[in-house]
PDB file of N, CA and C in Angstrom:
ATOM      1  N   MET A   1      -8.935   5.940 -10.660  1.00  0.00           N
ATOM      2  CA  MET A   1      -8.750   5.169  -9.665  1.00  0.00           C
ATOM      3  C   MET A   1      -7.218   5.242  -9.085  1.00  0.00           C
ATOM      4  N   VAL A   2      -6.324   5.442  -9.963  1.00  0.00           N
ATOM      5  CA  VAL A   2      -4.926   5.628  -9.526  1.00  0.00           C
ATOM      6  C   VAL A   2      -4.800   7.017  -8.858  1.00  0.00           C
ATOM      7  N   LYS A   3      -5.457   8.082  -9.548  1.00  0.00           N
ATOM      8  CA  LYS A   3      -5.545   9.433  -8.689  1.00  0.00           C
ATOM      9  C   LYS A   3      -5.870   9.228  -7.150  1.00  0.00           C
ATOM     10  N   ARG A   4      -6.906   8.518  -7.041  1.00  0.00           N
ATOM     11  CA  ARG A   4      -7.314   8.387  -5.500  1.00  0.00           C
ATOM     12  C   ARG A   4      -6.578   7.562  -4.836  1.00  0.00           C
ATOM     13  N   PHE A   5      -5.893   6.546  -5.295  1.00  0.00           N
ATOM     14  CA  PHE A   5      -4.925   5.479  -4.695  1.00  0.00           C
ATOM     15  C   PHE A   5      -3.770   6.373  -4.388  1.00  0.00           C
ATOM     16  N   TRP A   6      -3.097   7.177  -5.259  1.00  0.00           N
ATOM     17  CA  TRP A   6      -1.984   8.011  -5.007  1.00  0.00           C
ATOM     18  C   TRP A   6      -2.356   9.016  -3.873  1.00  0.00           C
ATOM     19  N   GLU A   7      -3.492   9.828  -3.831  1.00  0.00           N
ATOM     20  CA  GLU A   7      -3.736  10.694  -2.834  1.00  0.00           C
ATOM     21  C   GLU A   7      -3.729  10.031  -1.536  1.00  0.00           C
ATOM     22  N   SER A   8      -4.316   8.577  -1.414  1.00  0.00           N
ATOM     23  CA  SER A   8      -4.421   7.938  -0.211  1.00  0.00           C
ATOM     24  C   SER A   8      -2.911   7.582   0.350  1.00  0.00           C
ATOM     25  N   LEU A   9      -1.999   7.286  -0.490  1.00  0.00           N
ATOM     26  CA  LEU A   9      -0.572   7.192  -0.226  1.00  0.00           C
ATOM     27  C   LEU A   9       0.186   8.296   0.152  1.00  0.00           C
ATOM     28  N   SER A  10      -0.215   9.542  -0.526  1.00  0.00           N
ATOM     29  CA  SER A  10       0.641  10.698  -0.365  1.00  0.00           C
ATOM     30  C   SER A  10       1.051  11.098   1.076  1.00  0.00           C
ATOM     31  N   ASP A  11       0.188  10.802   2.187  1.00  0.00           N
ATOM     32  CA  ASP A  11       0.772  11.016   3.473  1.00  0.00           C
ATOM     33  C   ASP A  11       1.928  10.098   3.734  1.00  0.00           C
ATOM     34  N   TRP A  12       1.603   8.630   3.372  1.00  0.00           N
ATOM     35  CA  TRP A  12       2.656   7.814   3.803  1.00  0.00           C
ATOM     36  C   TRP A  12       3.945   8.232   2.850  1.00  0.00           C
ATOM     37  N   ALA A  13       3.802   8.616   1.948  1.00  0.00           N
ATOM     38  CA  ALA A  13       4.999   9.046   1.019  1.00  0.00           C
ATOM     39  C   ALA A  13       5.803  10.086   1.868  1.00  0.00           C
ATOM     40  N   GLU A  14       5.085  11.141   2.276  1.00  0.00           N
ATOM     41  CA  GLU A  14       5.796  12.190   2.825  1.00  0.00           C
ATOM     42  C   GLU A  14       6.574  11.587   4.122  1.00  0.00           C
ATOM     43  N   VAL A  15       5.829  10.843   4.929  1.00  0.00           N
ATOM     44  CA  VAL A  15       6.611  10.000   5.992  1.00  0.00           C
ATOM     45  C   VAL A  15       7.684   9.340   5.867  1.00  0.00           C
ATOM     46  N   LEU A  16       7.620   8.562   4.378  1.00  0.00           N
ATOM     47  CA  LEU A  16       8.659   7.668   4.222  1.00  0.00           C
ATOM     48  C   LEU A  16       9.785   8.564   3.162  1.00  0.00           C
ATOM     49  N   SER A  17       9.588   9.663   3.026  1.00  0.00           N
ATOM     50  CA  SER A  17      10.442  10.417   2.208  1.00  0.00           C
ATOM     51  C   SER A  17      10.589   9.849   0.789  1.00  0.00           C
ATOM     52  N   MET A  18       9.374   9.335   0.151  1.00  0.00           N
ATOM     53  CA  MET A  18       9.202   8.976  -1.138  1.00  0.00           C
ATOM     54  C   MET A  18       9.165  10.132  -1.983  1.00  0.00           C
ATOM     55  N   ASP A  19       9.617  10.133  -3.128  1.00  0.00           N
ATOM     56  CA  ASP A  19       9.585  11.064  -4.298  1.00  0.00           C
ATOM     57  C   ASP A  19       9.253  10.516  -5.296  1.00  0.00           C
ATOM     58  N   ASP A  20       8.043  10.834  -5.997  1.00  0.00           N
ATOM     59  CA  ASP A  20       7.789  10.397  -7.443  1.00  0.00           C
ATOM     60  C   ASP A  20       6.819  11.450  -8.073  1.00  0.00           C
ATOM     61  N   PRO A  21       7.502  12.591  -8.460  1.00  0.00           N
ATOM     62  CA  PRO A  21       6.721  13.571  -8.797  1.00  0.00           C
ATOM     63  C   PRO A  21       5.845  13.556  -9.949  1.00  0.00           C
ATOM     64  N   HIS A  22       6.221  12.485 -10.773  1.00  0.00           N
ATOM     65  CA  HIS A  22       5.413  12.367 -12.049  1.00  0.00           C
ATOM     66  C   HIS A  22       4.480  11.142 -11.859  1.00  0.00           C
ATOM     67  N   GLY A  23       4.626  10.625 -10.776  1.00  0.00           N
ATOM     68  CA  GLY A  23       3.903   9.343 -10.583  1.00  0.00           C
ATOM     69  C   GLY A  23       4.075   8.104 -11.502  1.00  0.00           C
ATOM     70  N   ASP A  24       5.338   8.012 -11.974  1.00  0.00           N
ATOM     71  CA  ASP A  24       5.649   7.021 -12.965  1.00  0.00           C
ATOM     72  C   ASP A  24       5.430   5.721 -12.429  1.00  0.00           C
ATOM     73  N   TYR A  25       6.095   5.521 -11.323  1.00  0.00           N
ATOM     74  CA  TYR A  25       5.716   4.075 -10.509  1.00  0.00           C
ATOM     75  C   TYR A  25       4.192   3.553 -10.539  1.00  0.00           C
ATOM     76  N   LEU A  26       3.418   4.654 -10.199  1.00  0.00           N
ATOM     77  CA  LEU A  26       1.906   4.238 -10.243  1.00  0.00           C
ATOM     78  C   LEU A  26       1.400   3.923 -11.744  1.00  0.00           C
ATOM     79  N   PHE A  27       1.733   4.931 -12.622  1.00  0.00           N
ATOM     80  CA  PHE A  27       1.270   4.658 -14.057  1.00  0.00           C
ATOM     81  C   PHE A  27       1.740   3.380 -14.674  1.00  0.00           C
ATOM     82  N   ARG A  28       3.022   2.969 -14.503  1.00  0.00           N
ATOM     83  CA  ARG A  28       3.386   1.487 -14.679  1.00  0.00           C
ATOM     84  C   ARG A  28       2.484   0.599 -14.075  1.00  0.00           C
ATOM     85  N   LEU A  29       2.351   0.877 -12.635  1.00  0.00           N
ATOM     86  CA  LEU A  29       1.636  -0.261 -11.920  1.00  0.00           C
ATOM     87  C   LEU A  29       0.199  -0.402 -12.570  1.00  0.00           C
ATOM     88  N   GLU A  30      -0.465   0.733 -12.916  1.00  0.00           N
ATOM     89  CA  GLU A  30      -1.595   0.720 -13.758  1.00  0.00           C
ATOM     90  C   GLU A  30      -1.808   0.096 -14.922  1.00  0.00           C
ATOM     91  N   GLU A  31      -0.955   0.280 -15.715  1.00  0.00           N
ATOM     92  CA  GLU A  31      -0.602  -0.378 -16.861  1.00  0.00           C
ATOM     93  C   GLU A  31      -0.459  -1.732 -16.627  1.00  0.00           C
ATOM     94  N   ARG A  32       0.377  -2.279 -15.737  1.00  0.00           N
ATOM     95  CA  ARG A  32       0.453  -3.802 -15.502  1.00  0.00           C
ATOM     96  C   ARG A  32      -0.915  -4.228 -15.144  1.00  0.00           C
ATOM     97  N   VAL A  33      -1.705  -3.682 -13.977  1.00  0.00           N
ATOM     98  CA  VAL A  33      -2.896  -3.999 -13.462  1.00  0.00           C
ATOM     99  C   VAL A  33      -3.891  -4.261 -14.726  1.00  0.00           C
ATOM    100  N   ALA A  34      -3.758  -3.287 -15.734  1.00  0.00           N
ATOM    101  CA  ALA A  34      -4.764  -3.274 -16.602  1.00  0.00           C
ATOM    102  C   ALA A  34      -4.471  -4.658 -17.831  1.00  0.00           C
ATOM    103  N   LYS A  35      -3.185  -4.833 -17.942  1.00  0.00           N
ATOM    104  CA  LYS A  35      -2.891  -5.894 -18.771  1.00  0.00           C
ATOM    105  C   LYS A  35      -3.171  -7.259 -18.037  1.00  0.00           C
ATOM    106  N   LEU A  36      -3.051  -7.361 -16.557  1.00  0.00           N
ATOM    107  CA  LEU A  36      -3.556  -8.487 -16.025  1.00  0.00           C
ATOM    108  C   LEU A  36      -4.960  -8.921 -16.075  1.00  0.00           C
ATOM    109  N   GLU A  37      -5.771  -7.520 -16.179  1.00  0.00           N
ATOM    110  CA  GLU A  37      -7.126  -7.814 -16.321  1.00  0.00           C
ATOM    111  C   GLU A  37      -7.522  -8.107 -17.433  1.00  0.00           C
ATOM    112  N   ARG A  38      -6.990  -7.647 -18.564  1.00  0.00           N
ATOM    113  CA  ARG A  38      -7.181  -8.093 -19.772  1.00  0.00           C
ATOM    114  C   ARG A  38      -6.875  -9.604 -20.119  1.00  0.00           C
ATOM    115  N   LYS A  39      -5.874 -10.166 -19.427  1.00  0.00           N
ATOM    116  CA  LYS A  39      -5.382 -11.455 -19.684  1.00  0.00           C
ATOM    117  C   LYS A  39      -6.525 -12.383 -18.708  1.00  0.00           C
ATOM    118  N   LEU A  40      -7.019 -11.896 -17.858  1.00  0.00           N
ATOM    119  CA  LEU A  40      -7.819 -12.557 -17.001  1.00  0.00           C
ATOM    120  C   LEU A  40      -9.368 -12.675 -17.784  1.00  0.00           C
ATOM    121  N   ASP A  41      -9.806 -11.556 -18.345  1.00  0.00           N
ATOM    122  CA  ASP A  41     -10.862 -11.503 -19.256  1.00  0.00           C
ATOM    123  C   ASP A  41     -10.737 -12.604 -20.248  1.00  0.00           C
ATOM    124  N   ASP A  42      -9.631 -12.651 -20.922  1.00  0.00           N
ATOM    125  CA  ASP A  42      -9.350 -13.551 -21.877  1.00  0.00           C
ATOM    126  C   ASP A  42      -9.448 -15.001 -21.512  1.00  0.00           C
ATOM    127  N   LEU A  43      -8.980 -15.273 -20.396  1.00  0.00           N
ATOM    128  CA  LEU A  43      -8.965 -16.621 -19.770  1.00  0.00           C
ATOM    129  C   LEU A  43     -10.338 -16.974 -19.465  1.00  0.00           C
ATOM    130  N   GLN A  44     -11.211 -16.094 -18.854  1.00  0.00           N
ATOM    131  CA  GLN A  44     -12.412 -16.222 -18.433  1.00  0.00           C
ATOM    132  C   GLN A  44     -13.403 -16.514 -19.727  1.00  0.00           C
ATOM    133  N   THR A  45     -13.284 -15.820 -20.966  1.00  0.00           N
ATOM    134  CA  THR A  45     -13.786 -16.062 -22.064  1.00  0.00           C
ATOM    135  C   THR A  45     -13.294 -17.466 -22.717  1.00  0.00           C
ATOM    136  N   GLN A  46     -12.256 -17.748 -22.605  1.00  0.00           N
ATOM    137  CA  GLN A  46     -11.751 -19.018 -23.123  1.00  0.00           C
ATOM    138  C   GLN A  46     -12.432 -20.255 -22.335  1.00  0.00           C
ATOM    139  N   SER A  47     -12.505 -20.053 -20.939  1.00  0.00           N
ATOM    140  CA  SER A  47     -13.046 -21.136 -20.235  1.00  0.00           C
ATOM    141  C   SER A  47     -14.617 -21.258 -20.370  1.00  0.00           C
ATOM    142  N   ARG A  48     -15.155 -20.291 -20.739  1.00  0.00           N
ATOM    143  CA  ARG A  48     -16.552 -20.345 -21.051  1.00  0.00           C
ATOM    144  C   ARG A  48     -17.062 -20.945 -22.326  1.00  0.00           C
ATOM    145  N   ALA A  49     -16.010 -20.616 -23.311  1.00  0.00           N
ATOM    146  CA  ALA A  49     -16.191 -21.201 -24.644  1.00  0.00           C
ATOM    147  C   ALA A  49     -15.794 -22.713 -24.695  1.00  0.00           C
ATOM    148  N   THR A  50     -14.988 -23.308 -23.764  1.00  0.00           N
ATOM    149  CA  THR A  50     -14.480 -24.658 -23.772  1.00  0.00           C
ATOM    150  C   THR A  50     -15.567 -25.428 -23.080  1.00  0.00           C
ATOM    151  N   PRO A  51     -16.144 -26.587 -23.768  1.00  0.00           N
ATOM    152  CA  PRO A  51     -17.015 -27.442 -23.235  1.00  0.00           C
ATOM    153  C   PRO A  51     -16.695 -28.250 -22.194  1.00  0.00           C
ATOM    154  N   VAL A  52     -17.408 -28.333 -21.161  1.00  0.00           N
ATOM    155  CA  VAL A  52     -16.904 -29.422 -20.245  1.00  0.00           C
ATOM    156  C   VAL A  52     -17.296 -30.658 -20.220  1.00  0.00           C
ATOM    157  N   GLU A  53     -16.474 -31.705 -20.402  1.00  0.00           N
ATOM    158  CA  GLU A  53     -17.049 -33.063 -20.642  1.00  0.00           C
ATOM    159  C   GLU A  53     -17.435 -33.612 -19.418  1.00  0.00           C
ATOM    160  N   SER A  54     -18.696 -34.261 -19.705  1.00  0.00           N
ATOM    161  CA  SER A  54     -19.450 -35.285 -18.741  1.00  0.00           C
ATOM    162  C   SER A  54     -18.495 -36.494 -18.633  1.00  0.00           C
ATOM    163  N   PRO A  55     -18.596 -37.392 -17.520  1.00  0.00           N
ATOM    164  CA  PRO A  55     -17.890 -38.468 -17.403  1.00  0.00           C
ATOM    165  C   PRO A  55     -18.381 -39.616 -18.508  1.00  0.00           C
ATOM    166  N   ASP A  56     -19.675 -39.333 -19.030  1.00  0.00           N
ATOM    167  CA  ASP A  56     -19.943 -40.359 -20.148  1.00  0.00           C
ATOM    168  C   ASP A  56     -19.520 -40.054 -21.628  1.00  0.00           C
ATOM    169  N   ASP A  57     -18.839 -38.749 -21.593  1.00  0.00           N
ATOM    170  CA  ASP A  57     -18.258 -38.522 -22.962  1.00  0.00           C
ATOM    171  C   ASP A  57     -17.049 -39.012 -23.066  1.00  0.00           C
ATOM    172  N   ARG A  58     -16.365 -39.641 -22.254  1.00  0.00           N
ATOM    173  CA  ARG A  58     -14.967 -40.234 -22.276  1.00  0.00           C
ATOM    174  C   ARG A  58     -15.092 -41.454 -23.338  1.00  0.00           C
ATOM    175  N   VAL A  59     -13.894 -41.606 -23.992  1.00  0.00           N
ATOM    176  CA  VAL A  59     -13.777 -42.730 -24.913  1.00  0.00           C
ATOM    177  C   VAL A  59     -13.073 -43.694 -24.063  1.00  0.00           C
ATOM    178  N   ARG A  60     -13.707 -44.893 -24.186  1.00  0.00           N
ATOM    179  CA  ARG A  60     -13.294 -46.196 -23.316  1.00  0.00           C
ATOM    180  C   ARG A  60     -12.565 -47.037 -24.255  1.00  0.00           C
TER     181      ARG A  60
END
């Protein structure tokens, strides 16, 4: 995924004179995205595991 993304940006990088020969920025970005995806999966799992109360379940 990152390789394809980097290739699509290579033309723009040349035009803007950006130089990241090792792709460090993109590797860090990929790690951050992966971390966010894991957190999102955890949140989705938690939300599925938490029962939703119906109005009749409330204590009066």
